[in-house]
Amino acid sequence: MRLEEPALPNKEHRQRVLKGATIITRITNSDTTCTIRNQQATGAELKVPVETRVPAEILLNVPVDGIAYRCVMRGRKNDRIGVQFTGTETKPKLHYC
């Protein structure tokens, strides 16, 4: 009797991009600039300075898209952060980027 290997889930294609963005934290209304390295419909990979502290839930303002994404952090390795999009908002008021 031969056991079949389980099917691997299809990974969504990651579109490589280089977009400037701003991480806005809801607790202190502080912001940190970052770069979006790749993006897909459900999330993105961000590049941030290694010393930057990023909370588990953020608002990612992407001026070139004219939108802000509500995000949950899914992982971090050095200067790379993986986030999952949980919703969208219009450009934050009182934010100038």
Foldseek 3Di string as FASTA:
>chain_A
DDDDDDDDDDDDDWAADWFWKWKADPPPRDIAIWTFGTDDPFWTKIFGAQPDDDDQWTWIGGVVVQKIFTWGWDDDDRRITIITGPGIDGHDPPDDD
